[in-house]
Amino acid sequence: MATEIKLPRLGQGMESGTIVKWLKSEGDMVEKGEPLYELDTDKVTQEVEADASGILLKIAVVEGEVEVGRTIAVIGEQGEKVETETEQPSGNGDSAVEEAVQRPVRDSGPGEGVRGNREVPPTSADNGGRIKASPLARRIARERGIDLASVAGTGPDGRVVAEDVERTAASGAPVQLTAPSVPTEGVEVRQFSSMRKTIARRLTEAWQAPVFQLSLTVDMGRALELRERLVERHGDGVKPTINDLLTKVCAAALMRHREVNALYRGDAVELYPSANIGIAVAVPNGLVVPVIPGVERKSIAEIAAARAAIVERARAGKLQQADLDGGTFTISNLGMYGIEHFIAVLNPPQAAILAVGSIEDRVVAVEGEPAVRPRMELTLTCDHRAVDGATGAEFLRDVKALLEEPGLAL
């Protein structure tokens, strides 16, 4: 009996994904657990495995944005017949798959959007006045208070997609799509990837949060000594870094101040019992934040091994959705670039993020005498809706104390 392959929900909050390419063709034999297609979500591009064995009888969606739960392929026995067009789920919710309505091609008149020589159909639906839009587009419009009727859709049959809503939000007015002007000589135009669009959207959301920053300077003398001893003892394995020690210290401080180890959910704050710390990693397409779970239970050697593994996967483009989910706090370190101080942008819905600068030798007063000491600046950004100033200050004070006496965190 034929099995319909539906788009899975790979992470919390995922409502749609974009099929990039199929790794099998119609008529090919497929084994359960074998990579079947590449899917681009708002966080990562990954291979998705087949959940059934048999012949790939039909690919219902060759490429493009697809809602979670929609049938994208059919696997069955050799010679088994399937309908030319696979029936899609239906319903009244935002995640329901809208029926495609075929409209005759007509000349574009005044006020009708066009892109190049391709007509962009209007967004009004023929289905009882319901506007055709992807679930992600509906959610973004709902969050930003945008009327979908004012958005010109560029998807199939005028369907509104997430990019259309983002464009409307950026312009502050209904989109009027016109043929793009020819760039001047020497100008390079780079279209946003799905990851870059997500970064832009999430940073815009973060900028709207009422945040505050707290900064202090840490004496890193003892931390550097401990790191050297750890490297000597570790042998040929992954060598621990200052960032690994900092991750361990932050986990210890988060367990003392759970209000910082939290997610803001609009009308509630979720306090987590485990420190699942995200490490910001620069990749060719932008920035990703893979997560090391349960850091408070790990040794520095275990943290170093976990960090090395996720950074390698991130830079190789092999992160899975599971690598990115579940974070409760984020560390962003630009010290390796010589940056002494910066402010990191919040990573919603997390309540706080720590920015880490470089370690610099500075002349400071020690017991009334000038001395050269290795110093590092830390800046904590907090969502004031979830974290009060005193709470953030106490957390950062403990991070400083543990870095200056790191044995207390081990």
Protein backbone atom coordinates (compact mmCIF):
# COMPACT_ATOMS: atom_id res chain seq x y z
CA MET A 1 0.00 0.00 0.00
CA ALA A 2 1.35 3.42 -0.96
CA THR A 3 2.69 5.69 1.81
CA GLU A 4 2.31 9.44 1.60
CA ILE A 5 5.47 11.29 2.67
CA LYS A 6 4.53 14.48 4.46
CA LEU A 7 6.73 17.43 5.40
CA PRO A 8 7.78 16.81 9.03
CA ARG A 9 7.97 19.32 11.86
CA LEU A 10 11.69 19.35 12.62
CA GLY A 11 11.68 21.88 15.42
CA GLN A 12 9.48 23.76 17.85
CA GLY A 13 7.63 26.56 16.06
CA MET A 14 8.39 25.25 12.55
CA GLU A 15 5.39 25.85 10.30
CA SER A 16 6.92 25.46 6.85
CA GLY A 17 10.13 24.61 5.04
CA THR A 18 11.63 24.97 1.59
CA ILE A 19 12.50 21.88 -0.43
CA VAL A 20 15.87 22.59 -2.03
CA LYS A 21 16.40 19.42 -4.04
CA TRP A 22 15.47 15.75 -4.15
CA LEU A 23 18.20 13.17 -3.67
CA LYS A 24 16.09 10.49 -5.39
CA SER A 25 14.11 10.53 -8.63
CA GLU A 26 10.70 9.10 -9.40
CA GLY A 27 11.06 5.37 -9.97
CA ASP A 28 14.08 4.99 -7.68
CA MET A 29 14.19 2.44 -4.88
CA VAL A 30 14.20 4.07 -1.44
CA GLU A 31 15.16 2.48 1.88
CA LYS A 32 13.71 3.69 5.17
CA GLY A 33 16.23 5.97 6.88
CA GLU A 34 17.97 6.85 3.61
CA PRO A 35 18.40 10.58 2.78
CA LEU A 36 15.51 11.52 0.50
CA TYR A 37 15.63 15.31 0.01
CA GLU A 38 17.24 18.50 1.28
CA LEU A 39 15.05 20.85 3.31
CA ASP A 40 15.81 24.47 4.14
CA THR A 41 14.14 25.65 7.36
CA ASP A 42 14.46 29.07 8.97
CA LYS A 43 17.54 27.83 10.85
CA VAL A 44 19.40 25.21 8.84
CA THR A 45 19.53 23.22 5.61
CA GLN A 46 19.57 19.48 6.24
CA GLU A 47 18.92 16.13 4.61
CA VAL A 48 15.64 14.50 5.56
CA GLU A 49 15.43 10.72 5.69
CA ALA A 50 12.70 8.59 4.17
CA ASP A 51 10.23 7.18 6.70
CA ALA A 52 9.22 4.25 4.49
CA SER A 53 10.81 1.80 2.05
CA GLY A 54 9.70 1.17 -1.53
CA ILE A 55 9.62 2.82 -4.94
CA LEU A 56 9.42 6.60 -5.11
CA LEU A 57 6.22 6.62 -7.15
CA LYS A 58 5.66 10.36 -7.24
CA ILE A 59 7.26 13.63 -6.17
CA ALA A 60 4.29 15.89 -5.45
CA VAL A 61 6.34 19.02 -4.67
CA VAL A 62 9.52 19.37 -6.70
CA GLU A 63 10.85 22.41 -4.83
CA GLY A 64 9.79 25.53 -2.97
CA GLU A 65 8.08 26.46 0.31
CA VAL A 66 5.81 23.80 1.81
CA GLU A 67 3.67 23.78 4.95
CA VAL A 68 4.28 21.20 7.66
CA GLY A 69 2.00 18.21 7.13
CA ARG A 70 1.62 18.61 3.38
CA THR A 71 2.12 15.52 1.20
CA ILE A 72 5.31 15.96 -0.83
CA ALA A 73 5.84 12.45 -2.22
CA VAL A 74 4.41 8.95 -2.42
CA ILE A 75 6.34 5.72 -1.82
CA GLY A 76 4.85 2.33 -2.65
CA GLU A 77 5.17 -0.92 -4.61
CA GLN A 78 6.41 -1.19 -8.20
CA GLY A 79 3.53 -0.65 -10.61
CA GLU A 80 1.22 0.78 -7.97
CA LYS A 81 -0.73 3.71 -9.36
CA VAL A 82 -1.16 7.07 -7.70
CA GLU A 83 -3.23 10.10 -8.59
CA THR A 84 -1.56 12.70 -10.80
CA GLU A 85 -2.09 15.32 -8.12
CA THR A 86 -1.80 14.14 -4.52
CA GLU A 87 -4.64 15.30 -2.35
CA GLN A 88 -3.47 17.69 0.36
CA PRO A 89 -4.73 18.06 3.93
CA SER A 90 -7.41 20.65 4.45
CA GLY A 91 -8.76 22.61 7.36
CA ASN A 92 -9.59 26.04 8.66
CA GLY A 93 -6.42 26.67 10.72
CA ASP A 94 -3.36 28.62 9.64
CA SER A 95 -1.52 25.37 8.93
CA ALA A 96 -4.16 24.17 6.47
CA VAL A 97 -3.00 23.70 2.90
CA GLU A 98 -4.88 26.09 0.63
CA GLU A 99 -6.31 24.70 -2.59
CA ALA A 100 -4.57 26.19 -5.62
CA VAL A 101 -6.97 28.26 -7.75
CA GLN A 102 -6.07 28.52 -11.43
CA ARG A 103 -6.50 32.01 -12.82
CA PRO A 104 -6.34 32.90 -16.51
CA VAL A 105 -3.33 34.91 -17.60
CA ARG A 106 -4.33 38.50 -18.30
CA ASP A 107 -2.63 41.74 -19.12
CA SER A 108 -1.44 43.67 -16.13
CA GLY A 109 -3.30 46.90 -15.65
CA PRO A 110 -2.71 49.93 -13.47
CA GLY A 111 -1.89 49.05 -9.86
CA GLU A 112 -1.19 45.38 -10.59
CA GLY A 113 2.18 44.16 -9.36
CA VAL A 114 4.71 42.80 -11.86
CA ARG A 115 8.19 41.45 -11.43
CA GLY A 116 10.14 41.66 -14.66
CA ASN A 117 7.84 40.27 -17.36
CA ARG A 118 6.11 37.89 -14.96
CA GLU A 119 2.71 38.79 -13.62
CA VAL A 120 2.28 38.73 -9.85
CA PRO A 121 -1.35 37.77 -9.18
CA PRO A 122 -3.34 39.62 -6.56
CA THR A 123 -3.48 38.19 -3.05
CA SER A 124 -7.26 38.03 -2.67
CA ALA A 125 -8.49 34.45 -2.61
CA ASP A 126 -11.46 32.97 -4.40
CA ASN A 127 -12.14 30.73 -1.40
CA GLY A 128 -14.79 32.73 0.38
CA GLY A 129 -12.61 35.83 0.62
CA ARG A 130 -9.84 33.99 2.52
CA ILE A 131 -6.41 35.37 1.66
CA LYS A 132 -3.99 32.72 0.50
CA ALA A 133 -0.82 32.84 2.62
CA SER A 134 1.74 30.44 4.05
CA PRO A 135 1.55 29.70 7.79
CA LEU A 136 4.88 31.47 8.38
CA ALA A 137 3.61 34.56 6.53
CA ARG A 138 0.45 34.57 8.65
CA ARG A 139 2.44 34.29 11.87
CA ILE A 140 4.82 37.13 10.93
CA ALA A 141 1.88 39.31 9.87
CA ARG A 142 0.06 38.56 13.12
CA GLU A 143 3.15 39.38 15.23
CA ARG A 144 3.74 42.68 13.44
CA GLY A 145 0.13 43.78 13.13
CA ILE A 146 0.12 43.72 9.32
CA ASP A 147 -3.11 43.24 7.39
CA LEU A 148 -2.50 40.45 4.87
CA ALA A 149 -4.93 42.14 2.49
CA SER A 150 -2.36 44.94 2.05
CA VAL A 151 0.43 42.54 1.08
CA ALA A 152 1.13 41.71 -2.57
CA GLY A 153 1.82 37.99 -2.81
CA THR A 154 4.57 36.64 -5.05
CA GLY A 155 3.94 32.93 -4.45
CA PRO A 156 1.98 30.60 -6.73
CA ASP A 157 -1.37 32.13 -7.71
CA GLY A 158 -0.63 35.26 -5.67
CA ARG A 159 -0.01 33.38 -2.43
CA VAL A 160 1.58 35.53 0.29
CA VAL A 161 4.90 34.14 1.53
CA ALA A 162 7.09 35.23 4.44
CA GLU A 163 9.32 37.39 2.24
CA ASP A 164 6.30 39.45 1.10
CA VAL A 165 5.31 40.25 4.69
CA GLU A 166 8.89 41.15 5.62
CA ARG A 167 9.09 43.49 2.63
CA THR A 168 5.83 45.17 3.64
CA ALA A 169 7.01 45.55 7.25
CA ALA A 170 10.27 47.14 6.10
CA SER A 171 8.53 49.62 3.80
CA GLY A 172 5.77 50.53 6.24
CA ALA A 173 3.25 50.49 3.40
CA PRO A 174 1.59 47.98 1.04
CA VAL A 175 4.11 46.59 -1.42
CA GLN A 176 3.93 47.82 -4.99
CA LEU A 177 6.16 45.47 -6.93
CA THR A 178 7.74 46.93 -10.03
CA ALA A 179 10.34 45.73 -12.46
CA PRO A 180 13.76 45.99 -10.78
CA SER A 181 16.08 48.68 -12.04
CA VAL A 182 19.33 47.64 -13.68
CA PRO A 183 22.24 47.95 -11.20
CA THR A 184 24.98 50.42 -12.01
CA GLU A 185 28.25 49.05 -13.30
CA GLY A 186 30.38 47.34 -10.67
CA VAL A 187 27.55 46.83 -8.18
CA GLU A 188 27.23 43.28 -6.88
CA VAL A 189 23.74 42.23 -5.80
CA ARG A 190 23.51 39.27 -3.45
CA GLN A 191 20.05 37.85 -2.85
CA PHE A 192 19.37 36.86 0.76
CA SER A 193 19.52 33.17 1.51
CA SER A 194 16.85 31.64 3.71
CA MET A 195 19.29 31.84 6.65
CA ARG A 196 20.04 35.51 5.99
CA LYS A 197 16.32 36.32 5.80
CA THR A 198 15.79 34.58 9.13
CA ILE A 199 18.69 36.47 10.70
CA ALA A 200 17.22 39.76 9.49
CA ARG A 201 13.77 38.91 10.81
CA ARG A 202 14.96 37.65 14.20
CA LEU A 203 17.30 40.58 14.77
CA THR A 204 14.46 42.97 13.95
CA GLU A 205 12.32 41.20 16.55
CA ALA A 206 15.19 41.38 19.06
CA TRP A 207 15.63 45.10 18.45
CA GLN A 208 12.02 45.68 19.47
CA ALA A 209 12.59 44.13 22.91
CA PRO A 210 13.21 46.51 25.87
CA VAL A 211 16.78 45.51 26.69
CA PHE A 212 19.50 46.82 28.97
CA GLN A 213 23.22 46.11 29.13
CA LEU A 214 25.60 45.53 32.03
CA SER A 215 29.39 45.50 31.64
CA LEU A 216 32.37 44.71 33.84
CA THR A 217 36.04 43.78 33.50
CA VAL A 218 37.48 40.47 34.70
CA ASP A 219 41.04 39.67 35.77
CA MET A 220 41.83 36.54 33.75
CA GLY A 221 45.14 35.63 35.38
CA ARG A 222 43.95 32.53 37.23
CA ALA A 223 41.68 31.45 34.37
CA LEU A 224 44.63 31.50 31.95
CA GLU A 225 46.75 29.48 34.40
CA LEU A 226 43.98 26.89 34.75
CA ARG A 227 43.56 26.66 31.01
CA GLU A 228 47.28 25.97 30.57
CA ARG A 229 47.15 23.17 33.13
CA LEU A 230 44.09 21.67 31.44
CA VAL A 231 45.83 21.72 28.04
CA GLU A 232 48.89 19.97 29.52
CA ARG A 233 46.74 17.25 31.09
CA HIS A 234 44.47 16.75 28.10
CA GLY A 235 47.06 15.16 25.81
CA ASP A 236 46.12 14.67 22.15
CA GLY A 237 42.39 15.35 22.50
CA VAL A 238 40.52 18.59 21.89
CA LYS A 239 42.36 21.30 23.79
CA PRO A 240 40.11 23.31 26.13
CA THR A 241 39.83 27.01 25.38
CA ILE A 242 39.04 30.02 27.51
CA ASN A 243 35.60 29.95 25.92
CA ASP A 244 35.06 26.40 27.21
CA LEU A 245 35.98 27.54 30.72
CA LEU A 246 33.69 30.55 30.35
CA THR A 247 30.84 28.26 29.23
CA LYS A 248 31.29 26.13 32.35
CA VAL A 249 31.42 29.21 34.57
CA CYS A 250 28.26 30.65 33.00
CA ALA A 251 26.44 27.36 33.57
CA ALA A 252 27.36 27.45 37.27
CA ALA A 253 26.14 31.06 37.54
CA LEU A 254 22.93 30.24 35.64
CA MET A 255 22.11 27.53 38.14
CA ARG A 256 22.36 30.15 40.90
CA HIS A 257 20.29 32.69 38.95
CA ARG A 258 17.61 30.76 37.06
CA GLU A 259 15.81 34.01 36.18
CA VAL A 260 18.60 34.57 33.63
CA ASN A 261 18.38 30.98 32.34
CA ALA A 262 14.97 31.75 30.93
CA LEU A 263 12.81 32.26 27.87
CA TYR A 264 10.34 35.15 27.49
CA ARG A 265 6.99 33.90 26.16
CA GLY A 266 4.88 37.05 25.94
CA ASP A 267 2.65 36.54 28.97
CA ALA A 268 4.97 34.24 30.91
CA VAL A 269 8.63 33.53 31.62
CA GLU A 270 9.93 29.95 31.50
CA LEU A 271 12.75 29.21 33.98
CA TYR A 272 14.82 26.19 33.01
CA PRO A 273 16.51 23.73 35.40
CA SER A 274 19.40 22.99 33.01
CA ALA A 275 21.89 25.31 31.31
CA ASN A 276 21.57 24.69 27.56
CA ILE A 277 24.10 27.19 26.28
CA GLY A 278 24.24 28.34 22.67
CA ILE A 279 27.59 29.26 21.13
CA ALA A 280 27.39 31.87 18.35
CA VAL A 281 29.35 30.60 15.32
CA ALA A 282 30.12 32.58 12.18
CA VAL A 283 29.52 30.59 8.98
CA PRO A 284 29.79 31.60 5.29
CA ASN A 285 26.02 32.26 5.04
CA GLY A 286 25.69 34.21 8.27
CA LEU A 287 25.48 33.18 11.91
CA VAL A 288 24.20 30.09 13.68
CA VAL A 289 23.87 29.30 17.38
CA PRO A 290 24.28 25.56 18.02
CA VAL A 291 23.52 24.47 21.58
CA ILE A 292 25.49 22.46 24.13
CA PRO A 293 22.83 20.93 26.43
CA GLY A 294 23.23 20.30 30.16
CA VAL A 295 26.49 22.22 30.50
CA GLU A 296 26.30 22.29 34.30
CA ARG A 297 26.69 18.49 34.31
CA LYS A 298 29.70 18.41 31.97
CA SER A 299 33.41 18.69 32.70
CA ILE A 300 35.49 21.26 30.83
CA ALA A 301 36.95 18.43 28.71
CA GLU A 302 33.45 17.28 27.77
CA ILE A 303 32.41 20.86 26.98
CA ALA A 304 35.50 21.27 24.76
CA ALA A 305 34.68 18.07 22.84
CA ALA A 306 31.03 19.08 22.39
CA ARG A 307 32.01 22.59 21.30
CA ALA A 308 34.53 21.31 18.75
CA ALA A 309 31.98 18.91 17.28
CA ILE A 310 29.17 21.43 16.82
CA VAL A 311 31.50 24.13 15.45
CA GLU A 312 32.88 21.65 12.91
CA ARG A 313 29.37 20.66 11.84
CA ALA A 314 28.32 24.31 11.65
CA ARG A 315 31.20 25.33 9.39
CA ALA A 316 30.71 22.24 7.23
CA GLY A 317 27.00 23.04 6.83
CA LYS A 318 26.00 19.75 8.47
CA LEU A 319 24.07 20.99 11.49
CA GLN A 320 20.77 19.26 12.25
CA GLN A 321 17.71 20.99 13.65
CA ALA A 322 18.34 19.22 16.97
CA ASP A 323 21.71 21.02 17.23
CA LEU A 324 19.92 24.38 17.27
CA ASP A 325 16.92 23.70 19.49
CA GLY A 326 16.54 24.07 23.23
CA GLY A 327 18.96 26.91 23.99
CA THR A 328 18.35 28.88 27.21
CA PHE A 329 21.35 31.27 27.11
CA THR A 330 23.87 32.39 24.48
CA ILE A 331 27.56 33.34 24.50
CA SER A 332 28.97 35.46 21.67
CA ASN A 333 32.78 35.78 21.68
CA LEU A 334 34.60 38.16 19.30
CA GLY A 335 37.81 38.20 21.31
CA MET A 336 39.66 36.20 18.66
CA TYR A 337 39.22 39.19 16.32
CA GLY A 338 40.81 41.59 18.80
CA ILE A 339 37.47 43.17 19.72
CA GLU A 340 37.76 44.47 23.27
CA HIS A 341 34.12 45.38 23.86
CA PHE A 342 30.80 45.01 22.04
CA ILE A 343 27.09 44.60 22.68
CA ALA A 344 25.45 41.40 21.47
CA VAL A 345 21.90 41.49 20.15
CA LEU A 346 19.40 39.40 22.09
CA ASN A 347 18.60 35.92 20.77
CA PRO A 348 14.78 35.68 21.27
CA PRO A 349 13.05 34.14 23.10
CA GLN A 350 16.09 33.82 25.37
CA ALA A 351 16.18 36.38 28.16
CA ALA A 352 19.92 37.14 28.04
CA ILE A 353 23.10 36.93 25.95
CA LEU A 354 26.73 37.46 26.99
CA ALA A 355 29.21 39.34 24.78
CA VAL A 356 32.88 38.45 25.35
CA GLY A 357 35.83 40.63 24.34
CA SER A 358 39.53 39.87 23.92
CA ILE A 359 41.99 39.34 26.75
CA GLU A 360 44.35 42.34 26.86
CA ASP A 361 47.28 43.15 29.11
CA ARG A 362 46.53 46.38 30.97
CA VAL A 363 48.20 48.41 33.66
CA VAL A 364 46.01 48.36 36.77
CA ALA A 365 46.44 49.12 40.45
CA VAL A 366 47.13 46.03 42.58
CA GLU A 367 47.35 46.78 46.31
CA GLY A 368 48.18 50.37 45.50
CA GLU A 369 50.96 49.54 43.04
CA PRO A 370 50.85 49.52 39.22
CA ALA A 371 50.84 46.05 37.68
CA VAL A 372 50.21 44.51 34.28
CA ARG A 373 47.24 42.12 34.35
CA PRO A 374 45.30 40.20 31.64
CA ARG A 375 41.84 41.78 31.53
CA MET A 376 38.68 40.82 29.65
CA GLU A 377 35.43 42.76 29.25
CA LEU A 378 32.03 41.09 29.52
CA THR A 379 28.72 42.68 28.51
CA LEU A 380 25.40 41.10 29.40
CA THR A 381 22.31 42.05 27.38
CA CYS A 382 19.01 41.28 29.14
CA ASP A 383 15.36 41.41 28.13
CA HIS A 384 13.95 43.71 30.82
CA ARG A 385 10.54 42.04 30.51
CA ALA A 386 12.05 38.87 32.02
CA VAL A 387 15.16 40.00 33.92
CA ASP A 388 15.50 42.89 36.38
CA GLY A 389 18.65 44.97 36.60
CA ALA A 390 19.68 43.69 40.01
CA THR A 391 19.22 40.07 38.90
CA GLY A 392 21.38 40.59 35.82
CA ALA A 393 24.02 42.37 37.92
CA GLU A 394 24.16 39.54 40.48
CA PHE A 395 24.55 36.97 37.70
CA LEU A 396 27.37 38.91 36.01
CA ARG A 397 29.06 39.48 39.37
CA ASP A 398 29.09 35.73 39.96
CA VAL A 399 30.51 35.06 36.48
CA LYS A 400 33.34 37.50 37.29
CA ALA A 401 33.99 35.90 40.70
CA LEU A 402 34.10 32.38 39.20
CA LEU A 403 36.45 33.41 36.40
CA GLU A 404 38.81 35.06 38.87
CA GLU A 405 38.65 31.94 41.11
CA PRO A 406 37.71 29.24 38.54
CA GLY A 407 38.28 26.40 40.98
CA LEU A 408 34.99 27.36 42.62
CA ALA A 409 33.08 26.40 39.46
CA LEU A 410 34.66 22.95 39.04
